[in-house]
C-alpha atoms as a PDB file:
ATOM      1  CA  MET A   1       0.655   3.148   6.405  1.00  0.00           C
ATOM      2  CA  LEU A   2       1.304   0.202   3.697  1.00  0.00           C
ATOM      3  CA  ILE A   3       5.024   0.078   2.671  1.00  0.00           C
ATOM      4  CA  ASP A   4       6.638  -2.956   0.662  1.00  0.00           C
ATOM      5  CA  ALA A   5       9.750  -3.669   1.035  1.00  0.00           C
ATOM      6  CA  GLY A   6      11.854  -1.636  -1.209  1.00  0.00           C
ATOM      7  CA  TYR A   7      10.803   1.344   1.246  1.00  0.00           C
ATOM      8  CA  GLY A   8      10.416  -0.393   4.189  1.00  0.00           C
ATOM      9  CA  ASN A   9      14.358  -0.954   4.006  1.00  0.00           C
ATOM     10  CA  ASP A  10      14.564   2.840   4.590  1.00  0.00           C
ATOM     11  CA  THR A  11      15.215   2.856   8.353  1.00  0.00           C
ATOM     12  CA  GLY A  12      15.141   6.969   8.348  1.00  0.00           C
ATOM     13  CA  LEU A  13      11.860   6.923   5.893  1.00  0.00           C
ATOM     14  CA  ARG A  14      10.543   4.382   8.776  1.00  0.00           C
ATOM     15  CA  THR A  15      11.414   7.250  11.707  1.00  0.00           C
ATOM     16  CA  GLU A  16       9.828  10.210  10.044  1.00  0.00           C
ATOM     17  CA  ILE A  17       6.472   8.163   9.529  1.00  0.00           C
ATOM     18  CA  THR A  18       6.743   7.455  13.398  1.00  0.00           C
ATOM     19  CA  ALA A  19       7.605  11.578  14.215  1.00  0.00           C
ATOM     20  CA  LEU A  20       4.531  11.996  12.291  1.00  0.00           C
ATOM     21  CA  GLY A  21       2.713  10.364  14.618  1.00  0.00           C
ATOM     22  CA  LEU A  22       1.320   7.625  12.149  1.00  0.00           C
ATOM     23  CA  ARG A  23       1.433   3.554  12.174  1.00  0.00           C
ATOM     24  CA  TYR A  24       2.903   1.744  10.275  1.00  0.00           C
ATOM     25  CA  VAL A  25       3.363  -2.193   8.306  1.00  0.00           C
ATOM     26  CA  ALA A  26       6.658  -2.011   6.725  1.00  0.00           C
ATOM     27  CA  GLY A  27       7.967  -5.157   4.603  1.00  0.00           C
ATOM     28  CA  ILE A  28      11.568  -5.614   5.266  1.00  0.00           C
ATOM     29  CA  GLY A  29      14.700  -7.887   3.892  1.00  0.00           C
ATOM     30  CA  PRO A  30      16.043 -10.571   5.659  1.00  0.00           C
ATOM     31  CA  ASN A  31      19.352  -9.265   6.779  1.00  0.00           C
ATOM     32  CA  THR A  32      17.581  -6.533   8.964  1.00  0.00           C
ATOM     33  CA  SER A  33      18.680  -6.518  11.812  1.00  0.00           C
ATOM     34  CA  VAL A  34      16.875  -6.595  15.637  1.00  0.00           C
ATOM     35  CA  TRP A  35      17.058  -6.568  19.180  1.00  0.00           C
ATOM     36  CA  PRO A  36      15.148  -9.747  20.104  1.00  0.00           C
ATOM     37  CA  SER A  37      13.097  -9.248  23.470  1.00  0.00           C
ATOM     38  CA  GLY A  38      14.410  -8.293  26.368  1.00  0.00           C
ATOM     39  CA  ALA A  39      17.344  -7.043  24.498  1.00  0.00           C
ATOM     40  CA  GLY A  40      19.065  -4.218  23.411  1.00  0.00           C
ATOM     41  CA  PRO A  41      22.412  -2.345  23.022  1.00  0.00           C
ATOM     42  CA  LEU A  42      24.570  -1.047  25.701  1.00  0.00           C
ATOM     43  CA  PRO A  43      24.055   2.339  27.675  1.00  0.00           C
ATOM     44  CA  PRO A  44      26.367   5.215  26.917  1.00  0.00           C
ATOM     45  CA  GLN A  45      29.723   4.156  29.161  1.00  0.00           C
ATOM     46  CA  ARG A  46      30.317   6.282  31.809  1.00  0.00           C
ATOM     47  CA  GLY A  47      32.867   9.308  31.411  1.00  0.00           C
ATOM     48  CA  ARG A  48      35.070  10.675  32.720  1.00  0.00           C
ATOM     49  CA  ARG A  49      35.437  13.422  35.665  1.00  0.00           C
ATOM     50  CA  SER A  50      36.359  16.360  32.818  1.00  0.00           C
ATOM     51  CA  GLY A  51      34.993  17.335  29.157  1.00  0.00           C
ATOM     52  CA  ARG A  52      30.972  15.748  28.227  1.00  0.00           C
ATOM     53  CA  PRO A  53      30.313  12.560  28.850  1.00  0.00           C
ATOM     54  CA  PRO A  54      29.363   9.908  25.961  1.00  0.00           C
ATOM     55  CA  LYS A  55      25.722   9.975  24.933  1.00  0.00           C
ATOM     56  CA  LEU A  56      25.446   7.497  22.408  1.00  0.00           C
ATOM     57  CA  LEU A  57      24.612   3.905  22.659  1.00  0.00           C
ATOM     58  CA  ARG A  58      27.445   1.215  22.229  1.00  0.00           C
ATOM     59  CA  ARG A  59      27.453  -2.898  21.843  1.00  0.00           C
ATOM     60  CA  ASP A  60      30.665  -5.255  22.794  1.00  0.00           C
ATOM     61  CA  GLY A  61      31.307  -8.799  21.428  1.00  0.00           C
ATOM     62  CA  GLU A  62      28.480 -10.271  23.627  1.00  0.00           C
ATOM     63  CA  HIS A  63      25.716  -7.789  22.937  1.00  0.00           C
ATOM     64  CA  GLN A  64      25.280  -7.759  19.392  1.00  0.00           C
ATOM     65  CA  PRO A  65      22.102  -7.969  17.243  1.00  0.00           C
ATOM     66  CA  ILE A  66      21.044 -10.501  14.812  1.00  0.00           C
ATOM     67  CA  ALA A  67      19.139 -10.436  11.669  1.00  0.00           C
ATOM     68  CA  ALA A  68      15.297 -11.452  11.201  1.00  0.00           C
ATOM     69  CA  LYS A  69      16.172 -14.188   9.560  1.00  0.00           C
ATOM     70  CA  ALA A  70      18.142 -16.127  11.858  1.00  0.00           C
ATOM     71  CA  LEU A  71      15.346 -15.057  14.206  1.00  0.00           C
ATOM     72  CA  ALA A  72      12.956 -16.973  12.472  1.00  0.00           C
ATOM     73  CA  LEU A  73      14.719 -19.857  12.157  1.00  0.00           C
ATOM     74  CA  GLY A  74      15.478 -19.752  15.804  1.00  0.00           C
ATOM     75  CA  LEU A  75      12.066 -19.855  17.291  1.00  0.00           C
ATOM     76  CA  PRO A  76      10.425 -23.292  18.413  1.00  0.00           C
ATOM     77  CA  ALA A  77       7.437 -24.830  16.735  1.00  0.00           C
ATOM     78  CA  GLU A  78       5.007 -23.466  18.716  1.00  0.00           C
ATOM     79  CA  ALA A  79       5.927 -19.835  17.784  1.00  0.00           C
ATOM     80  CA  TRP A  80       4.255 -20.642  14.249  1.00  0.00           C
ATOM     81  CA  GLN A  81       0.386 -20.352  13.496  1.00  0.00           C
ATOM     82  CA  THR A  82      -1.476 -21.412  10.101  1.00  0.00           C
ATOM     83  CA  ILE A  83      -3.950 -18.299   9.525  1.00  0.00           C
ATOM     84  CA  THR A  84      -6.165 -17.565   6.722  1.00  0.00           C
ATOM     85  CA  TRP A  85      -6.783 -13.839   5.916  1.00  0.00           C
ATOM     86  CA  ARG A  86      -9.162 -13.531   2.618  1.00  0.00           C
ATOM     87  CA  GLU A  87     -10.615 -15.471   0.501  1.00  0.00           C
ATOM     88  CA  GLY A  88      -8.709 -16.282  -2.885  1.00  0.00           C
ATOM     89  CA  SER A  89      -9.806 -17.061  -6.599  1.00  0.00           C
ATOM     90  CA  ALA A  90      -9.916 -20.722  -6.004  1.00  0.00           C
ATOM     91  CA  ASP A  91      -9.924 -20.977  -2.231  1.00  0.00           C
ATOM     92  CA  TRP A  92      -8.920 -18.850   0.890  1.00  0.00           C
ATOM     93  CA  LEU A  93      -5.748 -18.051   1.189  1.00  0.00           C
ATOM     94  CA  ALA A  94      -3.912 -19.340   4.216  1.00  0.00           C
ATOM     95  CA  SER A  95       0.052 -19.234   5.680  1.00  0.00           C
ATOM     96  CA  ARG A  96       2.396 -20.267   8.278  1.00  0.00           C
ATOM     97  CA  PHE A  97       2.971 -16.841  10.512  1.00  0.00           C
ATOM     98  CA  ALA A  98       4.939 -15.722  13.735  1.00  0.00           C
ATOM     99  CA  ARG A  99       5.222 -12.770  15.162  1.00  0.00           C
ATOM    100  CA  GLN A 100       7.880 -10.884  18.133  1.00  0.00           C
ATOM    101  CA  ARG A 101       8.478  -8.186  19.853  1.00  0.00           C
ATOM    102  CA  VAL A 102      11.651  -6.220  18.617  1.00  0.00           C
ATOM    103  CA  ARG A 103      13.625  -3.064  18.456  1.00  0.00           C
ATOM    104  CA  PRO A 104      15.026  -2.216  14.868  1.00  0.00           C
ATOM    105  CA  ALA A 105      19.194  -2.014  15.451  1.00  0.00           C
ATOM    106  CA  HIS A 106      19.968  -0.677  12.365  1.00  0.00           C
ATOM    107  CA  ARG A 107      22.122   2.166  12.877  1.00  0.00           C
ATOM    108  CA  ASP A 108      21.458   2.497  17.005  1.00  0.00           C
ATOM    109  CA  THR A 109      24.998   3.496  17.880  1.00  0.00           C
ATOM    110  CA  LYS A 110      24.441   6.830  16.452  1.00  0.00           C
ATOM    111  CA  LEU A 111      21.280   7.410  19.045  1.00  0.00           C
ATOM    112  CA  SER A 112      21.292   8.173  22.447  1.00  0.00           C
ATOM    113  CA  GLU A 113      18.485   6.140  23.404  1.00  0.00           C
ATOM    114  CA  PRO A 114      17.517   2.868  22.243  1.00  0.00           C
ATOM    115  CA  ARG A 115      14.269   2.591  19.478  1.00  0.00           C
ATOM    116  CA  ALA A 116      10.960   1.615  20.703  1.00  0.00           C
ATOM    117  CA  GLU A 117       9.753  -2.252  19.848  1.00  0.00           C
ATOM    118  CA  GLU A 118       7.672  -2.985  17.425  1.00  0.00           C
ATOM    119  CA  TRP A 119       6.058  -6.339  15.931  1.00  0.00           C
ATOM    120  CA  LEU A 120       8.285  -8.316  13.835  1.00  0.00           C
ATOM    121  CA  LEU A 121       5.935 -10.586  11.605  1.00  0.00           C
ATOM    122  CA  ILE A 122       7.473 -13.368   9.577  1.00  0.00           C
ATOM    123  CA  GLU A 123       5.620 -15.559   6.980  1.00  0.00           C
ATOM    124  CA  TRP A 124       7.674 -19.182   6.435  1.00  0.00           C
ATOM    125  CA  PRO A 125       4.541 -20.636   3.732  1.00  0.00           C
ATOM    126  CA  HIS A 126       4.334 -24.972   4.032  1.00  0.00           C
ATOM    127  CA  GLY A 127       6.379 -26.425   1.811  1.00  0.00           C
ATOM    128  CA  GLU A 128       9.540 -23.869   2.098  1.00  0.00           C
ATOM    129  CA  THR A 129      12.465 -24.607   2.804  1.00  0.00           C
ATOM    130  CA  LYS A 130      13.507 -20.686   5.221  1.00  0.00           C
ATOM    131  CA  PRO A 131      10.917 -17.886   5.303  1.00  0.00           C
ATOM    132  CA  THR A 132       9.461 -15.490   3.073  1.00  0.00           C
ATOM    133  CA  LYS A 133       8.831 -12.393   4.065  1.00  0.00           C
ATOM    134  CA  TYR A 134       9.461 -10.254   7.080  1.00  0.00           C
ATOM    135  CA  TRP A 135       7.113  -7.289   8.482  1.00  0.00           C
ATOM    136  CA  PHE A 136       8.041  -4.397  10.590  1.00  0.00           C
ATOM    137  CA  ALA A 137       4.335  -2.905  12.377  1.00  0.00           C
ATOM    138  CA  THR A 138       4.268  -0.560  14.657  1.00  0.00           C
ATOM    139  CA  LEU A 139       0.610  -1.751  15.538  1.00  0.00           C
ATOM    140  CA  PRO A 140      -0.924  -1.620  19.198  1.00  0.00           C
ATOM    141  CA  GLN A 141       0.681  -4.781  21.408  1.00  0.00           C
ATOM    142  CA  ALA A 142      -2.393  -5.627  21.630  1.00  0.00           C
ATOM    143  CA  VAL A 143      -3.476  -6.281  18.146  1.00  0.00           C
ATOM    144  CA  ALA A 144      -4.948  -9.725  17.096  1.00  0.00           C
ATOM    145  CA  PHE A 145      -2.422 -11.903  15.249  1.00  0.00           C
ATOM    146  CA  ASP A 146      -5.139 -12.605  12.364  1.00  0.00           C
ATOM    147  CA  GLN A 147      -5.513  -8.833  11.740  1.00  0.00           C
ATOM    148  CA  LEU A 148      -1.974  -8.320  12.236  1.00  0.00           C
ATOM    149  CA  VAL A 149      -1.497 -10.507   9.276  1.00  0.00           C
ATOM    150  CA  ASP A 150      -5.113  -8.341   7.172  1.00  0.00           C
ATOM    151  CA  ILE A 151      -3.667  -5.641   7.524  1.00  0.00           C
ATOM    152  CA  ALA A 152      -0.008  -6.919   6.164  1.00  0.00           C
ATOM    153  CA  LYS A 153      -1.196  -8.321   3.387  1.00  0.00           C
ATOM    154  CA  LEU A 154      -3.756  -5.586   2.350  1.00  0.00           C
ATOM    155  CA  ARG A 155      -0.499  -4.541  -0.166  1.00  0.00           C
ATOM    156  CA  TRP A 156      -2.666  -7.063  -2.754  1.00  0.00           C
ATOM    157  CA  ARG A 157      -5.811  -4.681  -2.982  1.00  0.00           C
ATOM    158  CA  ILE A 158      -3.022  -1.975  -3.761  1.00  0.00           C
ATOM    159  CA  GLU A 159      -1.472  -3.783  -6.442  1.00  0.00           C
ATOM    160  CA  ARG A 160      -4.620  -3.781  -7.882  1.00  0.00           C
ATOM    161  CA  ASP A 161      -6.149  -0.628  -7.448  1.00  0.00           C
ATOM    162  CA  TYR A 162      -2.281  -0.204  -9.566  1.00  0.00           C
ATOM    163  CA  GLN A 163      -3.161  -2.105 -12.251  1.00  0.00           C
ATOM    164  CA  GLU A 164      -7.148  -0.966 -12.922  1.00  0.00           C
ATOM    165  CA  LEU A 165      -5.849   2.731 -13.217  1.00  0.00           C
ATOM    166  CA  ASN A 166      -3.023   1.668 -15.727  1.00  0.00           C
ATOM    167  CA  GLN A 167      -5.244  -0.363 -17.451  1.00  0.00           C
ATOM    168  CA  GLU A 168      -8.633   1.589 -17.186  1.00  0.00           C
ATOM    169  CA  LEU A 169      -8.421   4.891 -16.699  1.00  0.00           C
ATOM    170  CA  GLY A 170      -4.807   5.486 -18.346  1.00  0.00           C
ATOM    171  CA  PHE A 171      -3.176   6.381 -15.606  1.00  0.00           C
ATOM    172  CA  GLY A 172      -0.060   4.925 -16.901  1.00  0.00           C
ATOM    173  CA  ASP A 173      -0.517   6.784 -20.351  1.00  0.00           C
ATOM    174  CA  TYR A 174       0.636   9.662 -19.113  1.00  0.00           C
ATOM    175  CA  GLU A 175       3.766  11.319 -21.731  1.00  0.00           C
ATOM    176  CA  GLY A 176       4.148  14.479 -20.300  1.00  0.00           C
ATOM    177  CA  ARG A 177       7.760  15.639 -17.892  1.00  0.00           C
ATOM    178  CA  GLY A 178       6.721  17.906 -15.725  1.00  0.00           C
ATOM    179  CA  TRP A 179       5.507  17.121 -12.434  1.00  0.00           C
ATOM    180  CA  ARG A 180       2.428  19.624 -12.390  1.00  0.00           C
ATOM    181  CA  GLY A 181       1.009  18.082 -15.151  1.00  0.00           C
ATOM    182  CA  PHE A 182       1.270  14.407 -14.278  1.00  0.00           C
ATOM    183  CA  HIS A 183       0.061  15.798 -10.937  1.00  0.00           C
ATOM    184  CA  HIS A 184      -3.608  16.785 -12.450  1.00  0.00           C
ATOM    185  CA  HIS A 185      -2.923  13.340 -14.235  1.00  0.00           C
ATOM    186  CA  ALA A 186      -3.014  11.151 -11.779  1.00  0.00           C
ATOM    187  CA  THR A 187      -5.238  13.591  -9.566  1.00  0.00           C
ATOM    188  CA  LEU A 188      -8.235  13.438 -12.453  1.00  0.00           C
ATOM    189  CA  CYS A 189      -7.428   9.094 -12.645  1.00  0.00           C
ATOM    190  CA  ILE A 190      -7.962   8.458  -8.800  1.00  0.00           C
ATOM    191  CA  ALA A 191     -11.222  10.838  -8.407  1.00  0.00           C
ATOM    192  CA  ALA A 192     -12.510   8.681 -11.867  1.00  0.00           C
ATOM    193  CA  TYR A 193     -11.337   5.611 -10.053  1.00  0.00           C
ATOM    194  CA  GLY A 194     -12.673   6.041  -6.467  1.00  0.00           C
ATOM    195  CA  PHE A 195     -16.343   7.228  -8.475  1.00  0.00           C
ATOM    196  CA  LEU A 196     -16.288   4.092 -10.763  1.00  0.00           C
ATOM    197  CA  ILE A 197     -15.918   1.896  -7.356  1.00  0.00           C
ATOM    198  CA  ALA A 198     -18.510   4.070  -5.503  1.00  0.00           C
ATOM    199  CA  GLU A 199     -20.281   2.965  -7.936  1.00  0.00           C
ATOM    200  CA  ARG A 200     -19.574  -0.629  -8.444  1.00  0.00           C
ATOM    201  CA  GLY A 201     -20.167  -0.765  -4.474  1.00  0.00           C
ATOM    202  CA  ALA A 202     -24.027   0.180  -4.864  1.00  0.00           C
ATOM    203  CA  LEU A 203     -24.527  -2.669  -7.118  1.00  0.00           C
ATOM    204  CA  PRO A 204     -25.311  -6.114  -5.741  1.00  0.00           C
ATOM    205  CA  PRO A 205     -23.697  -8.066  -4.478  1.00  0.00           C
ATOM    206  CA  SER A 206     -21.686  -5.575  -2.949  1.00  0.00           C
ATOM    207  CA  GLY A 207     -24.460  -3.178  -2.311  1.00  0.00           C
ATOM    208  CA  PRO A 208     -28.132  -3.807  -1.009  1.00  0.00           C
ATOM    209  CA  THR A 209     -30.269  -6.232  -2.889  1.00  0.00           C
ATOM    210  CA  ALA A 210     -33.038  -3.572  -3.328  1.00  0.00           C
ATOM    211  CA  ALA A 211     -30.694  -1.481  -4.753  1.00  0.00           C
ATOM    212  CA  THR A 212     -32.455   0.586  -7.978  1.00  0.00           C
ATOM    213  CA  ARG A 213     -32.224  -1.121 -11.468  1.00  0.00           C
ATOM    214  CA  VAL A 214     -29.896   0.891 -13.743  1.00  0.00           C
ATOM    215  CA  PRO A 215     -32.177   1.128 -16.691  1.00  0.00           C
ATOM    216  CA  ARG A 216     -31.044  -0.636 -20.304  1.00  0.00           C
ATOM    217  CA  SER A 217     -29.143   2.014 -22.469  1.00  0.00           C
ATOM    218  CA  ARG A 218     -31.007   2.829 -25.526  1.00  0.00           C
ATOM    219  CA  LEU A 219     -29.428   1.379 -28.772  1.00  0.00           C
ATOM    220  CA  PRO A 220     -27.582   4.347 -31.443  1.00  0.00           C
ATOM    221  CA  GLU A 221     -29.717   5.161 -34.291  1.00  0.00           C
ATOM    222  CA  GLY A 222     -28.046   3.342 -37.393  1.00  0.00           C
ATOM    223  CA  TYR A 223     -27.540   0.109 -35.398  1.00  0.00           C
ATOM    224  CA  ARG A 224     -27.476  -3.133 -37.095  1.00  0.00           C
ATOM    225  CA  PRO A 225     -27.268  -6.410 -35.746  1.00  0.00           C
ATOM    226  CA  GLU A 226     -25.437  -8.012 -38.956  1.00  0.00           C
ATOM    227  CA  ALA A 227     -22.688  -5.293 -38.450  1.00  0.00           C
ATOM    228  CA  PRO A 228     -21.409  -4.439 -34.885  1.00  0.00           C
ATOM    229  CA  PRO A 229     -20.319  -0.848 -34.002  1.00  0.00           C
ATOM    230  CA  ILE A 230     -17.210   0.179 -34.020  1.00  0.00           C
ATOM    231  CA  ARG A 231     -16.044   1.109 -30.628  1.00  0.00           C
ATOM    232  CA  PRO A 232     -19.748   0.538 -28.913  1.00  0.00           C
ATOM    233  CA  GLU A 233     -18.674   2.605 -26.160  1.00  0.00           C
ATOM    234  CA  ARG A 234     -18.906   5.722 -28.078  1.00  0.00           C
ATOM    235  CA  HIS A 235     -21.967   5.456 -28.496  1.00  0.00           C
ATOM    236  CA  VAL A 236     -23.638   4.323 -25.770  1.00  0.00           C
ATOM    237  CA  PRO A 237     -24.775   7.515 -23.506  1.00  0.00           C
ATOM    238  CA  ASN A 238     -24.578   5.050 -19.994  1.00  0.00           C
ATOM    239  CA  SER A 239     -21.075   2.677 -20.943  1.00  0.00           C
ATOM    240  CA  ILE A 240     -18.506   2.839 -18.038  1.00  0.00           C
ATOM    241  CA  ALA A 241     -16.515   4.557 -20.981  1.00  0.00           C
ATOM    242  CA  THR A 242     -18.426   7.001 -21.681  1.00  0.00           C
ATOM    243  CA  LEU A 243     -19.268   7.533 -18.083  1.00  0.00           C
ATOM    244  CA  ARG A 244     -15.329   7.938 -17.017  1.00  0.00           C
ATOM    245  CA  ARG A 245     -14.846  10.298 -19.654  1.00  0.00           C
ATOM    246  CA  ARG A 246     -17.657  13.003 -19.120  1.00  0.00           C
ATOM    247  CA  LEU A 247     -16.237  12.655 -15.559  1.00  0.00           C
ATOM    248  CA  ILE A 248     -13.091  13.560 -16.553  1.00  0.00           C
ATOM    249  CA  VAL A 249     -13.934  16.519 -18.495  1.00  0.00           C
ATOM    250  CA  ALA A 250     -15.942  17.751 -16.096  1.00  0.00           C
ATOM    251  CA  LEU A 251     -13.384  17.864 -13.778  1.00  0.00           C
ATOM    252  CA  ALA A 252     -10.748  18.703 -16.447  1.00  0.00           C
ATOM    253  CA  ARG A 253     -13.215  21.969 -17.100  1.00  0.00           C
ATOM    254  CA  THR A 254     -12.688  23.054 -13.359  1.00  0.00           C
ATOM    255  CA  LEU A 255      -9.032  23.692 -14.074  1.00  0.00           C
ATOM    256  CA  PRO A 256      -7.567  27.057 -15.313  1.00  0.00           C
ATOM    257  CA  ARG A 257      -4.564  25.057 -17.671  1.00  0.00           C
ATOM    258  CA  CYS A 258      -4.462  21.898 -19.447  1.00  0.00           C
ATOM    259  CA  PRO A 259      -2.233  19.581 -17.321  1.00  0.00           C
ATOM    260  CA  CYS A 260      -0.462  18.533 -20.247  1.00  0.00           C
ATOM    261  CA  CYS A 261       0.428  21.124 -22.563  1.00  0.00           C
ATOM    262  CA  ASN A 262      -0.121  24.591 -19.492  1.00  0.00           C
ATOM    263  CA  GLU A 263      -2.557  26.129 -23.018  1.00  0.00           C
ATOM    264  CA  PRO A 264      -5.582  27.900 -20.681  1.00  0.00           C
ATOM    265  CA  ILE A 265      -9.007  25.406 -20.869  1.00  0.00           C
ATOM    266  CA  ARG A 266     -11.527  26.285 -23.768  1.00  0.00           C
ATOM    267  CA  LYS A 267     -14.960  26.578 -21.788  1.00  0.00           C
ATOM    268  CA  ILE A 268     -17.174  23.801 -23.155  1.00  0.00           C
ATOM    269  CA  ARG A 269     -20.876  25.090 -23.087  1.00  0.00           C
ATOM    270  CA  ARG A 270     -21.634  21.277 -23.136  1.00  0.00           C
ATOM    271  CA  ILE A 271     -20.115  18.335 -22.740  1.00  0.00           C
ATOM    272  CA  PRO A 272     -20.256  15.873 -25.824  1.00  0.00           C
ATOM    273  CA  ASP A 273     -22.459  12.111 -25.019  1.00  0.00           C
ATOM    274  CA  TYR A 274     -19.166  10.262 -27.773  1.00  0.00           C
END
């Protein structure tokens, strides 16, 4: 599970994800407190003969966690490696990274056992005066360094998908106020987006070079070359806009009520091509 720093700073959320048996790569802030490898909170203090024995972890003046930024600034030069993770629009993307095994230390004095170790991934690009990004990752200890970086950098795909959902499929056009209507709207948009991605992947260069050629769409009746038609996608049966609309309408017909107005959906015998 990939989480940005807006949610990754929530210790409770990360704890619940781990309790579900899932792994995460979560962005965090530079002031997040951690225990370096080999360090940790003190065990519970020995109790007296009477009363309940203490169970909570503790700290003292010599046992204190440090901020992720302070840990990064104290790393030796050999801890940093230049790693390339994907091809950008102009060139391959690369930056300097370091990783350390740490224990999250946020409010661990309220726990009876220290948290498990996980990866702390740090990015310090060339030319910057300080590290710029930090991640917690519960990936296996044997994960390769470049694979860890590649997974952490997958956030760009999520942002790109979200942008295309808003711009191409109307995900951001929902104006209702009910959760049920928004859930139906989001489900239809994501289903349509998944269909379009599958169709895109079947064409070269993503798909096989011997893929079936798509037949050329017929021009609408009354088409005049000297006068471009208005909204031509409404008159081309095989256009992306028409296929998207037909898919959404077909999915919507399976619902008993409209996700926006909650009115019963009329059973249409035929979906128009426009």
